[in-house]
PDB file of N, CA and C in Angstrom:
ATOM      1  N   MET A   1    -160.862 -42.992-106.735  1.00  0.00           N
ATOM      2  CA  MET A   1    -160.780 -44.413-107.020  1.00  0.00           C
ATOM      3  C   MET A   1    -159.453 -44.752-107.708  1.00  0.00           C
ATOM      4  N   LEU A   2    -159.009 -43.821-108.532  1.00  0.00           N
ATOM      5  CA  LEU A   2    -157.743 -44.038-109.231  1.00  0.00           C
ATOM      6  C   LEU A   2    -156.583 -44.103-108.240  1.00  0.00           C
ATOM      7  N   ALA A   3    -156.634 -43.290-107.196  1.00  0.00           N
ATOM      8  CA  ALA A   3    -155.575 -43.301-106.181  1.00  0.00           C
ATOM      9  C   ALA A   3    -155.548 -44.635-105.433  1.00  0.00           C
ATOM     10  N   VAL A   4    -156.714 -45.217-105.175  1.00  0.00           N
ATOM     11  CA  VAL A   4    -156.784 -46.501-104.482  1.00  0.00           C
ATOM     12  C   VAL A   4    -156.193 -47.603-105.357  1.00  0.00           C
ATOM     13  N   VAL A   5    -156.519 -47.593-106.633  1.00  0.00           N
ATOM     14  CA  VAL A   5    -155.982 -48.596-107.551  1.00  0.00           C
ATOM     15  C   VAL A   5    -154.470 -48.441-107.677  1.00  0.00           C
ATOM     16  N   LEU A   6    -153.988 -47.209-107.761  1.00  0.00           N
ATOM     17  CA  LEU A   6    -152.558 -46.956-107.860  1.00  0.00           C
ATOM     18  C   LEU A   6    -151.834 -47.390-106.586  1.00  0.00           C
ATOM     19  N   LEU A   7    -152.411 -47.089-105.439  1.00  0.00           N
ATOM     20  CA  LEU A   7    -151.817 -47.509-104.172  1.00  0.00           C
ATOM     21  C   LEU A   7    -151.770 -49.027-104.061  1.00  0.00           C
ATOM     22  N   PHE A   8    -152.839 -49.701-104.453  1.00  0.00           N
ATOM     23  CA  PHE A   8    -152.851 -51.162-104.427  1.00  0.00           C
ATOM     24  C   PHE A   8    -151.766 -51.734-105.335  1.00  0.00           C
ATOM     25  N   TYR A   9    -151.612 -51.174-106.520  1.00  0.00           N
ATOM     26  CA  TYR A   9    -150.596 -51.656-107.455  1.00  0.00           C
ATOM     27  C   TYR A   9    -149.193 -51.459-106.879  1.00  0.00           C
ATOM     28  N   ILE A  10    -148.935 -50.296-106.283  1.00  0.00           N
ATOM     29  CA  ILE A  10    -147.611 -50.023-105.730  1.00  0.00           C
ATOM     30  C   ILE A  10    -147.315 -50.964-104.566  1.00  0.00           C
ATOM     31  N   VAL A  11    -148.284 -51.167-103.676  1.00  0.00           N
ATOM     32  CA  VAL A  11    -148.074 -52.059-102.536  1.00  0.00           C
ATOM     33  C   VAL A  11    -147.873 -53.488-103.002  1.00  0.00           C
ATOM     34  N   ARG A  12    -148.629 -53.909-103.989  1.00  0.00           N
ATOM     35  CA  ARG A  12    -148.511 -55.284-104.487  1.00  0.00           C
ATOM     36  C   ARG A  12    -147.158 -55.524-105.134  1.00  0.00           C
ATOM     37  N   GLU A  13    -146.664 -54.562-105.881  1.00  0.00           N
ATOM     38  CA  GLU A  13    -145.390 -54.727-106.577  1.00  0.00           C
ATOM     39  C   GLU A  13    -144.194 -54.632-105.634  1.00  0.00           C
ATOM     40  N   HIS A  14    -144.324 -53.869-104.579  1.00  0.00           N
ATOM     41  CA  HIS A  14    -143.195 -53.631-103.691  1.00  0.00           C
ATOM     42  C   HIS A  14    -143.410 -54.222-102.307  1.00  0.00           C
ATOM     43  N   TRP A  15    -144.215 -55.253-102.213  1.00  0.00           N
ATOM     44  CA  TRP A  15    -144.521 -55.832-100.911  1.00  0.00           C
ATOM     45  C   TRP A  15    -143.285 -56.405-100.223  1.00  0.00           C
ATOM     46  N   ASP A  16    -142.374 -57.003-100.979  1.00  0.00           N
ATOM     47  CA  ASP A  16    -141.159 -57.563-100.380  1.00  0.00           C
ATOM     48  C   ASP A  16    -140.324 -56.475 -99.701  1.00  0.00           C
ATOM     49  N   HIS A  17    -140.241 -55.320-100.318  1.00  0.00           N
ATOM     50  CA  HIS A  17    -139.482 -54.221 -99.719  1.00  0.00           C
ATOM     51  C   HIS A  17    -140.199 -53.679 -98.481  1.00  0.00           C
ATOM     52  N   LEU A  18    -141.503 -53.561 -98.560  1.00  0.00           N
ATOM     53  CA  LEU A  18    -142.269 -53.018 -97.435  1.00  0.00           C
ATOM     54  C   LEU A  18    -142.288 -53.984 -96.255  1.00  0.00           C
ATOM     55  N   ALA A  19    -142.433 -55.261 -96.521  1.00  0.00           N
ATOM     56  CA  ALA A  19    -142.504 -56.242 -95.438  1.00  0.00           C
ATOM     57  C   ALA A  19    -141.168 -56.366 -94.713  1.00  0.00           C
ATOM     58  N   GLY A  20    -140.077 -56.133 -95.396  1.00  0.00           N
ATOM     59  CA  GLY A  20    -138.774 -56.228 -94.764  1.00  0.00           C
ATOM     60  C   GLY A  20    -138.415 -55.017 -93.929  1.00  0.00           C
ATOM     61  N   GLY A  21    -139.063 -53.891 -94.167  1.00  0.00           N
ATOM     62  CA  GLY A  21    -138.703 -52.670 -93.461  1.00  0.00           C
ATOM     63  C   GLY A  21    -139.696 -52.221 -92.413  1.00  0.00           C
ATOM     64  N   TRP A  22    -140.693 -53.026 -92.101  1.00  0.00           N
ATOM     65  CA  TRP A  22    -141.709 -52.580 -91.141  1.00  0.00           C
ATOM     66  C   TRP A  22    -141.140 -52.425 -89.737  1.00  0.00           C
ATOM     67  N   VAL A  23    -140.124 -53.211 -89.400  1.00  0.00           N
ATOM     68  CA  VAL A  23    -139.513 -53.101 -88.079  1.00  0.00           C
ATOM     69  C   VAL A  23    -138.836 -51.740 -87.930  1.00  0.00           C
ATOM     70  N   TYR A  24    -138.160 -51.298 -88.969  1.00  0.00           N
ATOM     71  CA  TYR A  24    -137.484 -50.006 -88.922  1.00  0.00           C
ATOM     72  C   TYR A  24    -138.491 -48.865 -88.895  1.00  0.00           C
ATOM     73  N   LEU A  25    -139.607 -49.023 -89.588  1.00  0.00           N
ATOM     74  CA  LEU A  25    -140.642 -48.004 -89.534  1.00  0.00           C
ATOM     75  C   LEU A  25    -141.253 -47.917 -88.139  1.00  0.00           C
ATOM     76  N   LEU A  26    -141.409 -49.055 -87.479  1.00  0.00           N
ATOM     77  CA  LEU A  26    -141.930 -49.064 -86.121  1.00  0.00           C
ATOM     78  C   LEU A  26    -140.957 -48.386 -85.157  1.00  0.00           C
ATOM     79  N   LEU A  27    -139.679 -48.640 -85.328  1.00  0.00           N
ATOM     80  CA  LEU A  27    -138.678 -47.989 -84.482  1.00  0.00           C
ATOM     81  C   LEU A  27    -138.615 -46.482 -84.739  1.00  0.00           C
ATOM     82  N   LEU A  28    -138.836 -46.080 -85.964  1.00  0.00           N
ATOM     83  CA  LEU A  28    -138.865 -44.664 -86.291  1.00  0.00           C
ATOM     84  C   LEU A  28    -140.124 -44.004 -85.738  1.00  0.00           C
ATOM     85  N   LEU A  29    -141.187 -44.744 -85.644  1.00  0.00           N
ATOM     86  CA  LEU A  29    -142.442 -44.205 -85.149  1.00  0.00           C
ATOM     87  C   LEU A  29    -142.379 -43.872 -83.662  1.00  0.00           C
ATOM     88  N   CYS A  30    -141.611 -44.609 -82.887  1.00  0.00           N
ATOM     89  CA  CYS A  30    -141.524 -44.385 -81.442  1.00  0.00           C
ATOM     90  C   CYS A  30    -141.036 -42.979 -81.094  1.00  0.00           C
ATOM     91  N   PRO A  31    -139.898 -42.513 -81.609  1.00  0.00           N
ATOM     92  CA  PRO A  31    -139.488 -41.151 -81.257  1.00  0.00           C
ATOM     93  C   PRO A  31    -140.407 -40.085 -81.850  1.00  0.00           C
ATOM     94  N   LEU A  32    -140.986 -40.368 -83.009  1.00  0.00           N
ATOM     95  CA  LEU A  32    -141.892 -39.386 -83.593  1.00  0.00           C
ATOM     96  C   LEU A  32    -143.146 -39.228 -82.739  1.00  0.00           C
ATOM     97  N   LEU A  33    -143.672 -40.323 -82.228  1.00  0.00           N
ATOM     98  CA  LEU A  33    -144.827 -40.237 -81.343  1.00  0.00           C
ATOM     99  C   LEU A  33    -144.458 -39.551 -80.033  1.00  0.00           C
ATOM    100  N   HIS A  34    -143.249 -39.771 -79.567  1.00  0.00           N
ATOM    101  CA  HIS A  34    -142.817 -39.118 -78.341  1.00  0.00           C
ATOM    102  C   HIS A  34    -142.732 -37.608 -78.535  1.00  0.00           C
ATOM    103  N   LEU A  35    -142.215 -37.179 -79.674  1.00  0.00           N
ATOM    104  CA  LEU A  35    -142.061 -35.751 -79.926  1.00  0.00           C
ATOM    105  C   LEU A  35    -143.384 -35.068 -80.246  1.00  0.00           C
ATOM    106  N   PHE A  36    -144.206 -35.694 -81.078  1.00  0.00           N
ATOM    107  CA  PHE A  36    -145.408 -35.040 -81.564  1.00  0.00           C
ATOM    108  C   PHE A  36    -146.698 -35.579 -80.943  1.00  0.00           C
ATOM    109  N   GLY A  37    -146.630 -36.642 -80.167  1.00  0.00           N
ATOM    110  CA  GLY A  37    -147.838 -37.253 -79.631  1.00  0.00           C
ATOM    111  C   GLY A  37    -148.315 -36.662 -78.324  1.00  0.00           C
ATOM    112  N   HIS A  38    -147.490 -35.865 -77.673  1.00  0.00           N
ATOM    113  CA  HIS A  38    -147.885 -35.301 -76.391  1.00  0.00           C
ATOM    114  C   HIS A  38    -148.759 -34.071 -76.542  1.00  0.00           C
ATOM    115  N   GLY A  39    -148.830 -33.492 -77.697  1.00  0.00           N
ATOM    116  CA  GLY A  39    -149.607 -32.275 -77.883  1.00  0.00           C
ATOM    117  C   GLY A  39    -148.874 -31.080 -77.309  1.00  0.00           C
ATOM    118  N   HIS A  40    -149.628 -30.118 -76.854  1.00  0.00           N
ATOM    119  CA  HIS A  40    -149.040 -28.897 -76.301  1.00  0.00           C
ATOM    120  C   HIS A  40    -149.249 -28.878 -74.798  1.00  0.00           C
ATOM    121  N   GLN A  41    -148.528 -29.692 -74.096  1.00  0.00           N
ATOM    122  CA  GLN A  41    -148.635 -29.790 -72.650  1.00  0.00           C
ATOM    123  C   GLN A  41    -147.443 -29.093 -72.014  1.00  0.00           C
ATOM    124  N   HIS A  42    -147.399 -27.789 -72.108  1.00  0.00           N
ATOM    125  CA  HIS A  42    -146.275 -27.026 -71.574  1.00  0.00           C
ATOM    126  C   HIS A  42    -146.701 -26.319 -70.296  1.00  0.00           C
ATOM    127  N   GLU A  43    -147.220 -27.038 -69.344  1.00  0.00           N
ATOM    128  CA  GLU A  43    -147.665 -26.466 -68.081  1.00  0.00           C
ATOM    129  C   GLU A  43    -146.733 -26.913 -66.958  1.00  0.00           C
ATOM    130  N   HIS A  44    -145.450 -26.617 -67.096  1.00  0.00           N
ATOM    131  CA  HIS A  44    -144.471 -27.100 -66.130  1.00  0.00           C
ATOM    132  C   HIS A  44    -144.574 -26.360 -64.797  1.00  0.00           C
ATOM    133  N   ASN A  45    -144.582 -25.037 -64.858  1.00  0.00           N
ATOM    134  CA  ASN A  45    -144.531 -24.277 -63.622  1.00  0.00           C
ATOM    135  C   ASN A  45    -145.648 -23.238 -63.589  1.00  0.00           C
ATOM    136  N   GLU A  46    -146.802 -23.568 -64.109  1.00  0.00           N
ATOM    137  CA  GLU A  46    -147.914 -22.628 -64.181  1.00  0.00           C
ATOM    138  C   GLU A  46    -148.583 -22.431 -62.828  1.00  0.00           C
ATOM    139  N   LYS A  47    -148.550 -23.425 -61.928  1.00  0.00           N
ATOM    140  CA  LYS A  47    -149.219 -23.293 -60.636  1.00  0.00           C
ATOM    141  C   LYS A  47    -148.568 -22.197 -59.801  1.00  0.00           C
ATOM    142  N   GLY A  48    -147.269 -22.107 -59.827  1.00  0.00           N
ATOM    143  CA  GLY A  48    -146.574 -21.091 -59.055  1.00  0.00           C
ATOM    144  C   GLY A  48    -146.910 -19.692 -59.528  1.00  0.00           C
ATOM    145  N   SER A  49    -147.035 -19.483 -60.811  1.00  0.00           N
ATOM    146  CA  SER A  49    -147.363 -18.159 -61.332  1.00  0.00           C
ATOM    147  C   SER A  49    -148.805 -17.800 -61.033  1.00  0.00           C
ATOM    148  N   ASN A  50    -149.721 -18.767 -61.012  1.00  0.00           N
ATOM    149  CA  ASN A  50    -151.109 -18.490 -60.672  1.00  0.00           C
ATOM    150  C   ASN A  50    -151.266 -18.145 -59.206  1.00  0.00           C
ATOM    151  N   ASP A  51    -150.520 -18.792 -58.325  1.00  0.00           N
ATOM    152  CA  ASP A  51    -150.581 -18.500 -56.896  1.00  0.00           C
ATOM    153  C   ASP A  51    -150.053 -17.095 -56.619  1.00  0.00           C
ATOM    154  N   ALA A  52    -149.051 -16.672 -57.335  1.00  0.00           N
ATOM    155  CA  ALA A  52    -148.486 -15.346 -57.132  1.00  0.00           C
ATOM    156  C   ALA A  52    -149.458 -14.268 -57.597  1.00  0.00           C
ATOM    157  N   LYS A  53    -150.256 -14.532 -58.618  1.00  0.00           N
ATOM    158  CA  LYS A  53    -151.219 -13.560 -59.126  1.00  0.00           C
ATOM    159  C   LYS A  53    -152.390 -13.395 -58.166  1.00  0.00           C
ATOM    160  N   LYS A  54    -152.750 -14.421 -57.394  1.00  0.00           N
ATOM    161  CA  LYS A  54    -153.889 -14.362 -56.491  1.00  0.00           C
ATOM    162  C   LYS A  54    -153.626 -13.441 -55.301  1.00  0.00           C
ATOM    163  N   THR A  55    -152.387 -13.259 -54.907  1.00  0.00           N
ATOM    164  CA  THR A  55    -152.092 -12.443 -53.724  1.00  0.00           C
ATOM    165  C   THR A  55    -151.993 -10.989 -54.041  1.00  0.00           C
TER     166      THR A  55
END
């Protein structure tokens, strides 16, 4: 509960700074989501290796 009260106080006191920078945070979020949002999808050429193992 103390963390919630502290967070509310910080946001209330610094709202002008936070409201002015949300556009930059959104722009920063785009490349971060691109890098970390895809998960571990490294299956580029796995079909070829599976076909070779079947023969």
